[in-house]
Protein backbone atom coordinates (compact mmCIF):
# COMPACT_ATOMS: atom_id res chain seq x y z
CA MET A 1 144.91 122.95 171.92
CA LEU A 2 149.24 123.13 171.68
CA ARG A 3 148.87 124.41 169.03
CA GLU A 4 147.45 127.39 170.52
CA MET A 5 150.01 127.31 172.91
CA TYR A 6 152.25 126.41 170.95
CA GLY A 7 155.40 129.47 171.73
CA ARG A 8 153.30 131.23 173.61
CA ASP A 9 154.19 132.34 177.44
CA ASP A 10 152.01 130.45 179.98
CA MET A 11 148.25 131.15 180.26
CA THR A 12 145.87 130.41 181.72
CA PRO A 13 142.96 127.70 181.42
CA SER A 14 140.26 129.92 180.63
CA LYS A 15 142.44 132.03 177.78
CA VAL A 16 143.27 128.34 176.64
CA ALA A 17 139.48 127.87 176.04
CA ASP A 18 139.01 131.07 174.84
CA LEU A 19 141.52 130.77 172.05
CA THR A 20 140.53 127.25 170.78
CA GLY A 21 136.46 128.02 171.35
CA MET A 22 136.40 125.44 173.59
CA THR A 23 134.19 126.26 176.56
CA ARG A 24 136.30 126.04 180.12
CA GLY A 25 134.43 122.76 180.95
CA ALA A 26 135.59 120.89 178.34
CA ALA A 27 139.36 122.68 178.08
CA SER A 28 139.98 121.43 182.13
CA LYS A 29 139.18 117.86 180.51
CA LEU A 30 141.94 118.19 177.63
CA ILE A 31 144.37 119.81 179.55
CA ASP A 32 143.83 117.29 182.01
CA ARG A 33 144.18 114.87 180.12
CA LEU A 34 147.68 117.02 178.27
CA VAL A 35 148.75 117.01 181.65
CA ALA A 36 149.34 113.03 182.15
CA LYS A 37 150.74 112.38 179.04
CA SER A 38 153.70 114.77 180.41
CA LEU A 39 152.55 116.80 176.98
CA ILE A 40 151.67 119.87 179.38
CA HIS A 41 152.60 121.16 182.77
CA ARG A 42 150.52 122.93 184.88
CA GLU A 43 151.50 125.09 187.95
CA GLU A 44 149.00 127.11 190.61
CA ARG A 45 150.21 130.76 190.88
CA THR A 46 151.90 131.57 194.21
CA ASP A 47 149.85 134.90 194.31
CA ASP A 48 146.63 133.03 194.31
CA ARG A 49 146.37 129.50 194.60
CA ARG A 50 142.82 129.72 192.88
CA TYR A 51 144.72 130.16 189.30
CA GLN A 52 146.75 128.16 187.18
CA ASP A 53 149.35 128.84 184.58
CA ILE A 54 149.39 126.01 182.01
CA ARG A 55 152.10 125.70 179.44
CA VAL A 56 153.40 123.26 176.81
CA THR A 57 156.49 120.73 177.72
CA ALA A 58 159.32 120.39 175.74
CA ALA A 59 157.61 116.56 174.66
CA GLY A 60 155.16 118.39 173.59
CA ALA A 61 155.87 121.08 171.60
CA ARG A 62 158.47 118.39 169.67
CA LEU A 63 154.84 117.15 168.64
CA VAL A 64 153.00 120.58 167.54
CA PRO A 65 154.93 119.72 163.84
CA SER A 66 153.82 117.33 162.68
CA LEU A 67 150.48 117.34 164.73
CA ALA A 68 149.67 120.99 162.34
CA THR A 69 150.57 118.63 159.11
CA LEU A 70 147.92 116.48 160.00
CA ALA A 71 145.58 118.69 161.14
CA ASP A 72 146.28 120.83 157.87
CA ARG A 73 145.22 118.18 155.50
CA GLN A 74 142.26 117.81 156.76
């Protein structure tokens, strides 16, 4: 998920689910875990509270290159 979000503007959880091939429920649970670890920031939209924007934090962005290297080895 971090790799798909890396270098992109804010996006919705449903967009991230589509990009990663995850169900929206699975993506939501992973987003919650990454928010708890301060690797993703979640913010409610001011125009419609039903929607949220998420983005990679600076800490998350620092992890992406090393995580991508590990994932590419698999």
